[in-house]
Structure formats: C-alpha cells, structure tokens
C-alpha cells in the first residue's frame, strides 16, 4: 500500500517543480514595470565563470521604471555592463559610481501582444509538462498494480487523486497566466 502513496507523492513533487519552473520563466518576461525578476537570472561572465546576476549584486527597484544594481565587488561592474550589451533585453545600463541603473522604457502595443503570446506559450508548455507527469505517475501506479503492490480499487483511487492534483496545478497555471497577461497589458 505504501508503494502507491510514494508514487503519488513523487508525482506531486514533480508537478510542484514544474510549476516553480513556469513561475521562474514567467517572472523573466518583461512587463511595463521594473522587476528584479527581469534581470536576476541573466548570466554574467565573471572571472571566466558564467554566473547569475543575483549572485554578483544586490538588485533593487527604487521606482516603477528603474532597476538598480549594486555589485558587491567593484570588479563586477564592467562584466555586468557587458552582459547587458550582449543580452536580448535591449536595456542600456547607466553607470553612476558603483551603481548601475536600468531605465525600463514603456512597452509598445505590438510588443505587449508579443509578450502575451510568449506567456501563453510558456503556460501551455507548463500544462503539457504537468500532463506528462500525470501520465508517468499513472503508468507507475499501473505497474504497481501489475506487480501486486496495490489492488485494483487502490489503483482507481490513486488515479483519481493524480487527476485531482493535475487539475489543481493546471488551474494554478491558468491563474498565473491571467495575472501575467494583466501585468503585461497594464500601461
């Protein structure tokens, strides 16, 4: 009986991780507002290693249109500026002493529509991943039934629980997407 519970728990953990990846991906999408999530995962070549910006600097948002980056090491300023120059964010860093400021320009309507499409695509990929975890979990449960670890009744009960989890995570993805679309659309 513990076999089915372990399989169900494993499926739930994988669904949570999938959802967290989706949240991370969506946080990197640019809205009309400044957000640390926009730049914190950007890779910076620092002393020959590729590191996320958040490991090299404190990232703040002093106002809705500005991101402020305060590197912990002064030697990181130039590599950070270079990373922005080569990134696809199209943001020009402005250096003021030991601080790098990024002014977030307002989004055009066309760019907003493109970002909404990207957000929808990302959400759909998340839904597909959740469904793949459901399929994998159901296959493991069926194998456990075939191996006589769980009964036919337990298999049906576990399958229902897997479907309930799937529905919950897909609903969370839909809510998250709706919020992101609203953020992108807000002028």
N, C-alpha and C. Protein backbone atom coordinates (compact mmCIF):
# COMPACT_ATOMS: atom_id res chain seq x y z
N UNK A 1 0.83 -1.20 0.00
CA UNK A 1 0.00 0.00 0.00
C UNK A 1 0.87 1.26 0.00
N UNK A 2 2.00 1.22 0.67
CA UNK A 2 2.88 2.38 0.71
C UNK A 2 3.43 2.70 -0.68
N UNK A 3 3.52 1.70 -1.54
CA UNK A 3 4.03 1.91 -2.89
C UNK A 3 3.21 2.95 -3.64
N UNK A 4 1.89 2.86 -3.57
CA UNK A 4 1.02 3.81 -4.26
C UNK A 4 1.13 5.21 -3.69
N UNK A 5 1.22 5.29 -2.35
CA UNK A 5 1.37 6.59 -1.71
C UNK A 5 2.68 7.26 -2.12
N UNK A 6 3.76 6.47 -2.19
CA UNK A 6 5.06 7.01 -2.58
C UNK A 6 5.03 7.50 -4.03
N UNK A 7 4.40 6.73 -4.89
CA UNK A 7 4.30 7.10 -6.30
C UNK A 7 3.50 8.41 -6.43
N UNK A 8 2.40 8.51 -5.69
CA UNK A 8 1.57 9.71 -5.72
C UNK A 8 2.36 10.92 -5.21
N UNK A 9 3.08 10.74 -4.11
CA UNK A 9 3.88 11.83 -3.54
C UNK A 9 4.96 12.28 -4.52
N UNK A 10 5.60 11.32 -5.18
CA UNK A 10 6.63 11.63 -6.17
C UNK A 10 6.04 12.45 -7.32
N UNK A 11 4.85 12.06 -7.77
CA UNK A 11 4.18 12.79 -8.85
C UNK A 11 3.86 14.21 -8.42
N UNK A 12 3.41 14.38 -7.18
CA UNK A 12 3.09 15.72 -6.68
C UNK A 12 4.34 16.60 -6.61
N UNK A 13 5.45 16.03 -6.16
CA UNK A 13 6.70 16.78 -6.08
C UNK A 13 7.13 17.23 -7.48
N UNK A 14 7.01 16.35 -8.46
CA UNK A 14 7.40 16.70 -9.83
C UNK A 14 6.49 17.79 -10.39
N UNK A 15 5.19 17.74 -10.06
CA UNK A 15 4.27 18.79 -10.53
C UNK A 15 4.62 20.13 -9.89
N UNK A 16 4.98 20.12 -8.60
CA UNK A 16 5.38 21.36 -7.92
C UNK A 16 6.61 21.96 -8.58
N UNK A 17 7.59 21.11 -8.89
CA UNK A 17 8.82 21.60 -9.52
C UNK A 17 8.52 22.18 -10.90
N UNK A 18 7.65 21.53 -11.64
CA UNK A 18 7.25 22.03 -12.96
C UNK A 18 6.61 23.40 -12.83
N UNK A 19 5.73 23.56 -11.84
CA UNK A 19 5.06 24.84 -11.62
C UNK A 19 6.07 25.93 -11.24
N UNK A 20 7.06 25.57 -10.40
CA UNK A 20 8.07 26.54 -9.99
C UNK A 20 8.91 27.00 -11.19
N UNK A 21 9.22 26.07 -12.10
CA UNK A 21 9.96 26.43 -13.32
C UNK A 21 9.12 27.41 -14.14
N UNK A 22 7.83 27.15 -14.26
CA UNK A 22 6.94 28.04 -15.00
C UNK A 22 6.94 29.43 -14.38
N UNK A 23 6.81 29.50 -13.04
CA UNK A 23 6.83 30.81 -12.36
C UNK A 23 8.12 31.55 -12.65
N UNK A 24 9.23 30.83 -12.60
CA UNK A 24 10.53 31.43 -12.87
C UNK A 24 10.60 31.96 -14.31
N UNK A 25 10.12 31.17 -15.25
CA UNK A 25 10.13 31.59 -16.66
C UNK A 25 9.27 32.82 -16.87
N UNK A 26 8.09 32.84 -16.26
CA UNK A 26 7.19 33.99 -16.44
C UNK A 26 7.73 35.24 -15.74
N UNK A 27 8.45 35.06 -14.63
CA UNK A 27 8.98 36.24 -13.94
C UNK A 27 10.02 36.96 -14.79
N UNK A 28 10.66 36.24 -15.70
CA UNK A 28 11.65 36.85 -16.58
C UNK A 28 11.04 37.60 -17.75
N UNK A 29 9.72 37.46 -17.95
CA UNK A 29 9.07 38.19 -19.04
C UNK A 29 8.88 39.64 -18.62
N UNK A 30 9.19 40.52 -19.52
CA UNK A 30 9.13 41.94 -19.21
C UNK A 30 7.70 42.46 -19.22
N UNK A 31 7.37 43.19 -18.20
CA UNK A 31 6.10 43.89 -18.17
C UNK A 31 6.43 45.38 -18.29
N UNK A 32 5.47 46.23 -18.19
CA UNK A 32 5.74 47.67 -18.28
C UNK A 32 6.41 48.20 -17.03
N UNK A 33 6.55 47.35 -16.01
CA UNK A 33 7.09 47.76 -14.72
C UNK A 33 8.45 47.15 -14.46
N UNK A 34 9.28 47.83 -13.71
CA UNK A 34 10.58 47.30 -13.32
C UNK A 34 10.39 46.16 -12.33
N UNK A 35 11.17 45.10 -12.49
CA UNK A 35 11.09 43.95 -11.60
C UNK A 35 12.46 43.28 -11.53
N UNK A 36 12.93 42.92 -10.34
CA UNK A 36 14.22 42.22 -10.25
C UNK A 36 14.21 40.92 -11.05
N UNK A 37 13.06 40.27 -11.14
CA UNK A 37 12.96 39.01 -11.88
C UNK A 37 13.34 39.15 -13.35
N UNK A 38 13.29 40.35 -13.84
CA UNK A 38 13.63 40.61 -15.24
C UNK A 38 15.11 40.37 -15.51
N UNK A 39 15.96 40.63 -14.52
CA UNK A 39 17.41 40.56 -14.76
C UNK A 39 18.16 39.60 -13.84
N UNK A 40 17.56 39.14 -12.75
CA UNK A 40 18.34 38.40 -11.76
C UNK A 40 18.93 37.09 -12.26
N UNK A 41 18.33 36.49 -13.29
CA UNK A 41 18.86 35.22 -13.81
C UNK A 41 19.77 35.41 -15.01
N UNK A 42 19.96 36.68 -15.42
CA UNK A 42 20.84 36.95 -16.55
C UNK A 42 22.26 36.49 -16.21
N UNK A 43 22.89 35.83 -17.16
CA UNK A 43 24.24 35.30 -16.95
C UNK A 43 25.30 36.37 -17.20
N UNK A 44 26.25 36.45 -16.27
CA UNK A 44 27.34 37.40 -16.37
C UNK A 44 28.65 36.60 -16.35
N UNK A 45 29.54 36.88 -17.30
CA UNK A 45 30.84 36.22 -17.35
C UNK A 45 31.76 36.93 -16.36
N UNK A 46 32.01 36.29 -15.23
CA UNK A 46 32.78 36.91 -14.15
C UNK A 46 33.96 36.02 -13.79
N UNK A 47 35.16 36.49 -14.05
CA UNK A 47 36.38 35.72 -13.84
C UNK A 47 36.30 34.34 -14.49
N UNK A 48 35.83 34.31 -15.73
CA UNK A 48 35.80 33.08 -16.50
C UNK A 48 34.64 32.15 -16.19
N UNK A 49 33.76 32.55 -15.29
CA UNK A 49 32.60 31.71 -14.96
C UNK A 49 31.32 32.45 -15.30
N UNK A 50 30.33 31.70 -15.77
CA UNK A 50 29.03 32.28 -16.07
C UNK A 50 28.17 32.19 -14.81
N UNK A 51 27.81 33.35 -14.26
CA UNK A 51 27.07 33.39 -13.01
C UNK A 51 25.80 34.21 -13.16
N UNK A 52 24.72 33.83 -12.45
CA UNK A 52 23.52 34.68 -12.48
C UNK A 52 23.81 36.01 -11.80
N UNK A 53 23.23 37.06 -12.32
CA UNK A 53 23.44 38.42 -11.79
C UNK A 53 23.14 38.49 -10.29
N UNK A 54 22.12 37.77 -9.84
CA UNK A 54 21.74 37.86 -8.43
C UNK A 54 22.83 37.35 -7.49
N UNK A 55 23.81 36.59 -8.02
CA UNK A 55 24.92 36.13 -7.19
C UNK A 55 26.06 37.14 -7.14
N UNK A 56 25.96 38.18 -7.96
CA UNK A 56 27.03 39.17 -8.02
C UNK A 56 26.64 40.54 -7.47
N UNK A 57 25.33 40.76 -7.30
CA UNK A 57 24.90 42.11 -6.94
C UNK A 57 23.57 42.09 -6.21
N UNK A 58 23.31 43.18 -5.54
CA UNK A 58 22.01 43.41 -4.92
C UNK A 58 21.15 44.10 -5.99
N UNK A 59 19.96 43.59 -6.23
CA UNK A 59 19.09 44.14 -7.27
C UNK A 59 17.87 44.75 -6.60
N UNK A 60 17.66 46.04 -6.85
CA UNK A 60 16.53 46.73 -6.24
C UNK A 60 15.70 47.46 -7.26
N UNK A 61 14.51 47.87 -6.84
CA UNK A 61 13.60 48.62 -7.70
C UNK A 61 13.19 49.89 -6.95
N UNK A 62 13.93 51.00 -7.14
CA UNK A 62 13.61 52.23 -6.42
C UNK A 62 12.29 52.86 -6.87
N UNK A 63 11.90 52.63 -8.14
CA UNK A 63 10.61 53.12 -8.62
C UNK A 63 10.12 52.19 -9.73
N UNK A 64 8.93 52.43 -10.24
CA UNK A 64 8.29 51.53 -11.20
C UNK A 64 9.01 51.44 -12.54
N UNK A 65 9.90 52.38 -12.83
CA UNK A 65 10.56 52.41 -14.14
C UNK A 65 12.08 52.18 -14.07
N UNK A 66 12.61 51.87 -12.88
CA UNK A 66 14.05 51.75 -12.72
C UNK A 66 14.44 50.49 -11.95
N UNK A 67 15.47 49.82 -12.45
CA UNK A 67 16.10 48.72 -11.72
C UNK A 67 17.48 49.20 -11.33
N UNK A 68 17.83 48.98 -10.08
CA UNK A 68 19.12 49.43 -9.57
C UNK A 68 19.95 48.21 -9.19
N UNK A 69 21.17 48.15 -9.71
CA UNK A 69 22.06 47.01 -9.46
C UNK A 69 23.29 47.52 -8.72
N UNK A 70 23.53 46.94 -7.55
CA UNK A 70 24.69 47.33 -6.74
C UNK A 70 25.60 46.12 -6.59
N UNK A 71 26.64 46.03 -7.45
CA UNK A 71 27.56 44.88 -7.36
C UNK A 71 28.30 44.87 -6.02
N UNK A 72 28.52 43.66 -5.49
CA UNK A 72 29.23 43.54 -4.23
C UNK A 72 30.73 43.76 -4.44
N UNK A 73 31.20 43.47 -5.65
CA UNK A 73 32.61 43.66 -5.98
C UNK A 73 32.69 44.68 -7.11
N UNK A 74 33.48 45.72 -6.93
CA UNK A 74 33.60 46.77 -7.96
C UNK A 74 34.10 46.20 -9.30
N UNK A 75 34.86 45.10 -9.22
CA UNK A 75 35.39 44.49 -10.44
C UNK A 75 34.28 43.84 -11.28
N UNK A 76 33.09 43.70 -10.73
CA UNK A 76 31.98 43.06 -11.45
C UNK A 76 31.21 44.07 -12.31
N UNK A 77 31.45 45.35 -12.13
CA UNK A 77 30.67 46.37 -12.85
C UNK A 77 30.80 46.22 -14.36
N UNK A 78 32.04 46.15 -14.86
CA UNK A 78 32.21 46.05 -16.31
C UNK A 78 31.65 44.74 -16.88
N UNK A 79 31.87 43.58 -16.27
CA UNK A 79 31.25 42.36 -16.80
C UNK A 79 29.71 42.44 -16.82
N UNK A 80 29.13 43.11 -15.82
CA UNK A 80 27.66 43.26 -15.78
C UNK A 80 27.21 44.15 -16.94
N UNK A 81 27.92 45.26 -17.15
CA UNK A 81 27.57 46.14 -18.28
C UNK A 81 27.69 45.40 -19.60
N UNK A 82 28.74 44.61 -19.74
CA UNK A 82 28.95 43.83 -20.97
C UNK A 82 27.82 42.82 -21.17
N UNK A 83 27.36 42.19 -20.08
CA UNK A 83 26.28 41.21 -20.17
C UNK A 83 25.00 41.88 -20.68
N UNK A 84 24.73 43.10 -20.25
CA UNK A 84 23.55 43.81 -20.74
C UNK A 84 23.71 44.18 -22.21
N UNK A 85 24.91 44.55 -22.61
CA UNK A 85 25.16 44.93 -24.01
C UNK A 85 24.91 43.75 -24.95
N UNK A 86 25.20 42.53 -24.49
CA UNK A 86 25.03 41.36 -25.36
C UNK A 86 23.71 40.63 -25.13
N UNK A 87 22.91 41.07 -24.16
CA UNK A 87 21.64 40.37 -23.86
C UNK A 87 20.56 40.79 -24.85
N UNK A 88 19.48 40.01 -24.86
CA UNK A 88 18.34 40.34 -25.73
C UNK A 88 17.32 41.23 -25.04
N UNK A 89 17.65 41.75 -23.87
CA UNK A 89 16.72 42.62 -23.13
C UNK A 89 16.63 44.01 -23.76
N UNK A 90 17.64 44.40 -24.48
CA UNK A 90 17.67 45.72 -25.13
C UNK A 90 17.52 46.85 -24.10
N UNK A 91 18.23 46.71 -22.98
CA UNK A 91 18.23 47.75 -21.95
C UNK A 91 19.65 48.32 -21.86
N UNK A 92 19.75 49.64 -21.83
CA UNK A 92 21.06 50.29 -21.75
C UNK A 92 21.38 50.63 -20.30
N UNK A 93 22.41 49.98 -19.75
CA UNK A 93 22.78 50.29 -18.36
C UNK A 93 23.43 51.67 -18.25
N UNK A 94 23.12 52.39 -17.19
CA UNK A 94 23.70 53.69 -16.93
C UNK A 94 24.45 53.60 -15.61
N UNK A 95 25.74 53.81 -15.68
CA UNK A 95 26.59 53.66 -14.51
C UNK A 95 26.71 54.99 -13.78
N UNK A 96 26.48 54.94 -12.48
CA UNK A 96 26.65 56.12 -11.62
C UNK A 96 27.47 55.68 -10.42
N UNK A 97 28.77 55.84 -10.52
CA UNK A 97 29.66 55.39 -9.45
C UNK A 97 29.68 53.87 -9.40
N UNK A 98 29.31 53.32 -8.24
CA UNK A 98 29.28 51.87 -8.06
C UNK A 98 27.90 51.28 -8.31
N UNK A 99 27.00 52.06 -8.86
CA UNK A 99 25.62 51.62 -9.08
C UNK A 99 25.32 51.61 -10.58
N UNK A 100 24.63 50.58 -11.02
CA UNK A 100 24.18 50.51 -12.41
C UNK A 100 22.66 50.65 -12.39
N UNK A 101 22.16 51.58 -13.18
CA UNK A 101 20.71 51.80 -13.26
C UNK A 101 20.22 51.41 -14.64
N UNK A 102 19.06 50.78 -14.66
CA UNK A 102 18.40 50.42 -15.91
C UNK A 102 17.05 51.12 -15.95
N UNK A 103 16.83 51.95 -16.95
CA UNK A 103 15.53 52.59 -17.12
C UNK A 103 14.69 51.69 -18.02
N UNK A 104 13.52 51.33 -17.53
CA UNK A 104 12.64 50.44 -18.28
C UNK A 104 11.70 51.30 -19.12
N UNK A 105 11.89 51.29 -20.46
CA UNK A 105 11.01 52.10 -21.30
C UNK A 105 9.62 51.47 -21.38
N UNK A 106 8.59 52.28 -21.64
CA UNK A 106 7.25 51.71 -21.77
C UNK A 106 7.18 50.79 -22.98
N UNK A 107 6.35 49.76 -22.88
CA UNK A 107 6.20 48.80 -23.97
C UNK A 107 5.24 49.33 -25.02
N UNK A 108 5.53 49.03 -26.28
CA UNK A 108 4.59 49.37 -27.35
C UNK A 108 3.47 48.33 -27.34
N UNK A 109 2.36 48.66 -27.98
CA UNK A 109 1.24 47.72 -28.01
C UNK A 109 1.63 46.42 -28.73
N UNK A 110 2.39 46.54 -29.82
CA UNK A 110 2.83 45.34 -30.55
C UNK A 110 3.70 44.45 -29.66
N UNK A 111 4.62 45.08 -28.91
CA UNK A 111 5.50 44.31 -28.03
C UNK A 111 4.69 43.64 -26.91
N UNK A 112 3.67 44.32 -26.41
CA UNK A 112 2.80 43.72 -25.39
C UNK A 112 2.13 42.47 -25.93
N UNK A 113 1.65 42.55 -27.17
CA UNK A 113 0.97 41.40 -27.78
C UNK A 113 1.95 40.23 -27.96
N UNK A 114 3.20 40.54 -28.36
CA UNK A 114 4.22 39.50 -28.49
C UNK A 114 4.50 38.83 -27.15
N UNK A 115 4.62 39.65 -26.10
CA UNK A 115 4.91 39.10 -24.77
C UNK A 115 3.75 38.24 -24.25
N UNK A 116 2.54 38.63 -24.55
CA UNK A 116 1.38 37.83 -24.14
C UNK A 116 1.42 36.47 -24.86
N UNK A 117 1.79 36.48 -26.14
CA UNK A 117 1.92 35.22 -26.87
C UNK A 117 2.99 34.33 -26.24
N UNK A 118 4.12 34.93 -25.87
CA UNK A 118 5.19 34.17 -25.22
C UNK A 118 4.71 33.60 -23.88
N UNK A 119 3.98 34.41 -23.12
CA UNK A 119 3.45 33.95 -21.83
C UNK A 119 2.49 32.78 -22.03
N UNK A 120 1.63 32.88 -23.03
CA UNK A 120 0.68 31.79 -23.30
C UNK A 120 1.41 30.52 -23.72
N UNK A 121 2.44 30.67 -24.53
CA UNK A 121 3.22 29.52 -24.98
C UNK A 121 3.91 28.86 -23.78
N UNK A 122 4.48 29.67 -22.90
CA UNK A 122 5.16 29.17 -21.71
C UNK A 122 4.17 28.44 -20.81
N UNK A 123 2.98 29.01 -20.64
CA UNK A 123 1.95 28.37 -19.81
C UNK A 123 1.52 27.03 -20.43
N UNK A 124 1.38 26.99 -21.75
CA UNK A 124 0.98 25.74 -22.41
C UNK A 124 2.06 24.67 -22.23
N UNK A 125 3.32 25.08 -22.32
CA UNK A 125 4.41 24.13 -22.07
C UNK A 125 4.33 23.59 -20.64
N UNK A 126 3.98 24.46 -19.69
CA UNK A 126 3.80 24.03 -18.30
C UNK A 126 2.67 23.03 -18.16
N UNK A 127 1.54 23.30 -18.84
CA UNK A 127 0.40 22.37 -18.79
C UNK A 127 0.79 21.00 -19.36
N UNK A 128 1.51 21.03 -20.49
CA UNK A 128 1.94 19.77 -21.11
C UNK A 128 2.86 19.00 -20.16
N UNK A 129 3.77 19.70 -19.49
CA UNK A 129 4.67 19.05 -18.54
C UNK A 129 3.89 18.43 -17.39
N UNK A 130 2.90 19.15 -16.89
CA UNK A 130 2.06 18.61 -15.80
C UNK A 130 1.34 17.35 -16.28
N UNK A 131 0.80 17.39 -17.49
CA UNK A 131 0.11 16.20 -18.03
C UNK A 131 1.07 15.03 -18.24
N UNK A 132 2.31 15.34 -18.62
CA UNK A 132 3.31 14.28 -18.76
C UNK A 132 3.62 13.63 -17.42
N UNK A 133 3.69 14.44 -16.38
CA UNK A 133 3.92 13.90 -15.02
C UNK A 133 2.72 13.02 -14.63
N UNK A 134 1.50 13.48 -14.97
CA UNK A 134 0.30 12.67 -14.68
C UNK A 134 0.41 11.31 -15.37
N UNK A 135 0.77 11.31 -16.65
CA UNK A 135 0.88 10.07 -17.41
C UNK A 135 1.93 9.14 -16.81
N UNK A 136 3.08 9.72 -16.48
CA UNK A 136 4.17 8.94 -15.88
C UNK A 136 3.73 8.33 -14.54
N UNK A 137 3.06 9.13 -13.72
CA UNK A 137 2.59 8.67 -12.41
C UNK A 137 1.55 7.56 -12.57
N UNK A 138 0.61 7.74 -13.50
CA UNK A 138 -0.40 6.71 -13.74
C UNK A 138 0.24 5.41 -14.24
N UNK A 139 1.26 5.53 -15.08
CA UNK A 139 1.96 4.34 -15.56
C UNK A 139 2.66 3.60 -14.42
N UNK A 140 3.27 4.35 -13.51
CA UNK A 140 3.92 3.73 -12.35
C UNK A 140 2.89 3.04 -11.46
N UNK A 141 1.73 3.68 -11.30
CA UNK A 141 0.66 3.07 -10.48
C UNK A 141 0.16 1.78 -11.12
N UNK A 142 0.01 1.79 -12.43
CA UNK A 142 -0.44 0.59 -13.14
C UNK A 142 0.59 -0.53 -12.98
N UNK A 143 1.87 -0.17 -13.07
CA UNK A 143 2.93 -1.16 -12.88
C UNK A 143 2.90 -1.72 -11.46
N UNK A 144 2.59 -0.86 -10.48
CA UNK A 144 2.48 -1.32 -9.10
C UNK A 144 1.31 -2.28 -8.94
N UNK A 145 0.21 -2.01 -9.65
CA UNK A 145 -0.95 -2.93 -9.61
C UNK A 145 -0.58 -4.26 -10.27
N UNK A 146 0.10 -4.18 -11.41
CA UNK A 146 0.53 -5.40 -12.11
C UNK A 146 1.52 -6.20 -11.27
N UNK A 147 2.32 -5.48 -10.47
CA UNK A 147 3.28 -6.14 -9.58
C UNK A 147 2.65 -6.56 -8.27
N UNK A 148 1.35 -6.41 -8.17
CA UNK A 148 0.57 -6.82 -6.97
C UNK A 148 0.95 -6.03 -5.72
N UNK A 149 1.49 -4.83 -5.91
CA UNK A 149 1.81 -3.97 -4.77
C UNK A 149 0.56 -3.22 -4.30
N UNK A 150 -0.31 -2.88 -5.26
CA UNK A 150 -1.59 -2.24 -4.92
C UNK A 150 -2.72 -2.98 -5.62
N UNK A 151 -3.93 -2.84 -5.07
CA UNK A 151 -5.10 -3.54 -5.64
C UNK A 151 -5.74 -2.69 -6.74
N UNK A 152 -6.70 -3.28 -7.43
CA UNK A 152 -7.44 -2.59 -8.49
C UNK A 152 -8.18 -1.37 -7.92
N UNK A 153 -8.80 -1.54 -6.75
CA UNK A 153 -9.52 -0.42 -6.12
C UNK A 153 -8.57 0.71 -5.75
N UNK A 154 -7.40 0.34 -5.21
CA UNK A 154 -6.41 1.36 -4.86
C UNK A 154 -5.92 2.09 -6.12
N UNK A 155 -5.74 1.35 -7.20
CA UNK A 155 -5.31 1.96 -8.46
C UNK A 155 -6.32 3.03 -8.89
N UNK A 156 -7.61 2.71 -8.83
CA UNK A 156 -8.64 3.68 -9.22
C UNK A 156 -8.61 4.90 -8.30
N UNK A 157 -8.45 4.67 -7.02
CA UNK A 157 -8.41 5.77 -6.06
C UNK A 157 -7.19 6.67 -6.30
N UNK A 158 -6.03 6.04 -6.51
CA UNK A 158 -4.81 6.81 -6.77
C UNK A 158 -4.91 7.57 -8.09
N UNK A 159 -5.48 6.94 -9.12
CA UNK A 159 -5.66 7.62 -10.40
C UNK A 159 -6.53 8.86 -10.25
N UNK A 160 -7.58 8.76 -9.43
CA UNK A 160 -8.45 9.92 -9.17
C UNK A 160 -7.67 11.02 -8.46
N UNK A 161 -6.82 10.64 -7.51
CA UNK A 161 -6.02 11.63 -6.78
C UNK A 161 -5.01 12.31 -7.72
N UNK A 162 -4.43 11.52 -8.63
CA UNK A 162 -3.49 12.09 -9.60
C UNK A 162 -4.22 13.10 -10.49
N UNK A 163 -5.44 12.75 -10.93
CA UNK A 163 -6.21 13.66 -11.78
C UNK A 163 -6.56 14.94 -11.02
N UNK A 164 -6.91 14.79 -9.74
CA UNK A 164 -7.24 15.96 -8.92
C UNK A 164 -6.03 16.89 -8.79
N UNK A 165 -4.85 16.30 -8.55
CA UNK A 165 -3.61 17.10 -8.48
C UNK A 165 -3.36 17.81 -9.80
N UNK A 166 -3.51 17.08 -10.90
CA UNK A 166 -3.30 17.65 -12.23
C UNK A 166 -4.22 18.84 -12.44
N UNK A 167 -5.49 18.68 -12.11
CA UNK A 167 -6.46 19.77 -12.27
C UNK A 167 -6.08 20.99 -11.42
N UNK A 168 -5.60 20.73 -10.20
CA UNK A 168 -5.21 21.83 -9.32
C UNK A 168 -4.03 22.62 -9.90
N UNK A 169 -3.01 21.90 -10.39
CA UNK A 169 -1.85 22.59 -10.93
C UNK A 169 -2.16 23.31 -12.23
N UNK A 170 -3.00 22.74 -13.06
CA UNK A 170 -3.38 23.41 -14.30
C UNK A 170 -4.19 24.67 -13.99
N UNK A 171 -5.04 24.61 -12.96
CA UNK A 171 -5.79 25.80 -12.55
C UNK A 171 -4.83 26.89 -12.05
N UNK A 172 -3.78 26.48 -11.30
CA UNK A 172 -2.79 27.46 -10.82
C UNK A 172 -2.04 28.08 -11.99
N UNK A 173 -1.73 27.28 -13.00
CA UNK A 173 -1.05 27.81 -14.19
C UNK A 173 -1.95 28.83 -14.88
N UNK A 174 -3.24 28.50 -15.01
CA UNK A 174 -4.18 29.42 -15.66
C UNK A 174 -4.30 30.74 -14.89
N UNK A 175 -4.34 30.66 -13.55
CA UNK A 175 -4.41 31.87 -12.72
C UNK A 175 -3.14 32.72 -12.90
N UNK A 176 -2.00 32.05 -12.88
CA UNK A 176 -0.72 32.75 -13.03
C UNK A 176 -0.64 33.43 -14.39
N UNK A 177 -1.08 32.73 -15.44
CA UNK A 177 -1.08 33.30 -16.79
C UNK A 177 -1.99 34.52 -16.85
N UNK A 178 -3.17 34.42 -16.26
CA UNK A 178 -4.11 35.56 -16.28
C UNK A 178 -3.48 36.78 -15.59
N UNK A 179 -2.79 36.56 -14.47
CA UNK A 179 -2.13 37.65 -13.76
C UNK A 179 -1.03 38.26 -14.61
N UNK A 180 -0.25 37.41 -15.27
CA UNK A 180 0.86 37.90 -16.09
C UNK A 180 0.33 38.68 -17.29
N UNK A 181 -0.73 38.18 -17.90
CA UNK A 181 -1.32 38.90 -19.03
C UNK A 181 -1.81 40.28 -18.59
N UNK A 182 -2.40 40.34 -17.40
CA UNK A 182 -2.88 41.62 -16.86
C UNK A 182 -1.69 42.57 -16.63
N UNK A 183 -0.59 42.05 -16.07
CA UNK A 183 0.60 42.89 -15.84
C UNK A 183 1.16 43.43 -17.14
N UNK A 184 1.22 42.56 -18.16
CA UNK A 184 1.76 42.98 -19.45
C UNK A 184 0.85 44.01 -20.12
N UNK A 185 -0.45 43.82 -19.98
CA UNK A 185 -1.42 44.71 -20.64
C UNK A 185 -1.54 46.06 -19.97
N UNK A 186 -1.23 46.14 -18.68
CA UNK A 186 -1.37 47.39 -17.93
C UNK A 186 -0.35 48.40 -18.44
N UNK A 187 -0.86 49.56 -18.83
CA UNK A 187 0.03 50.61 -19.37
C UNK A 187 0.57 51.45 -18.23
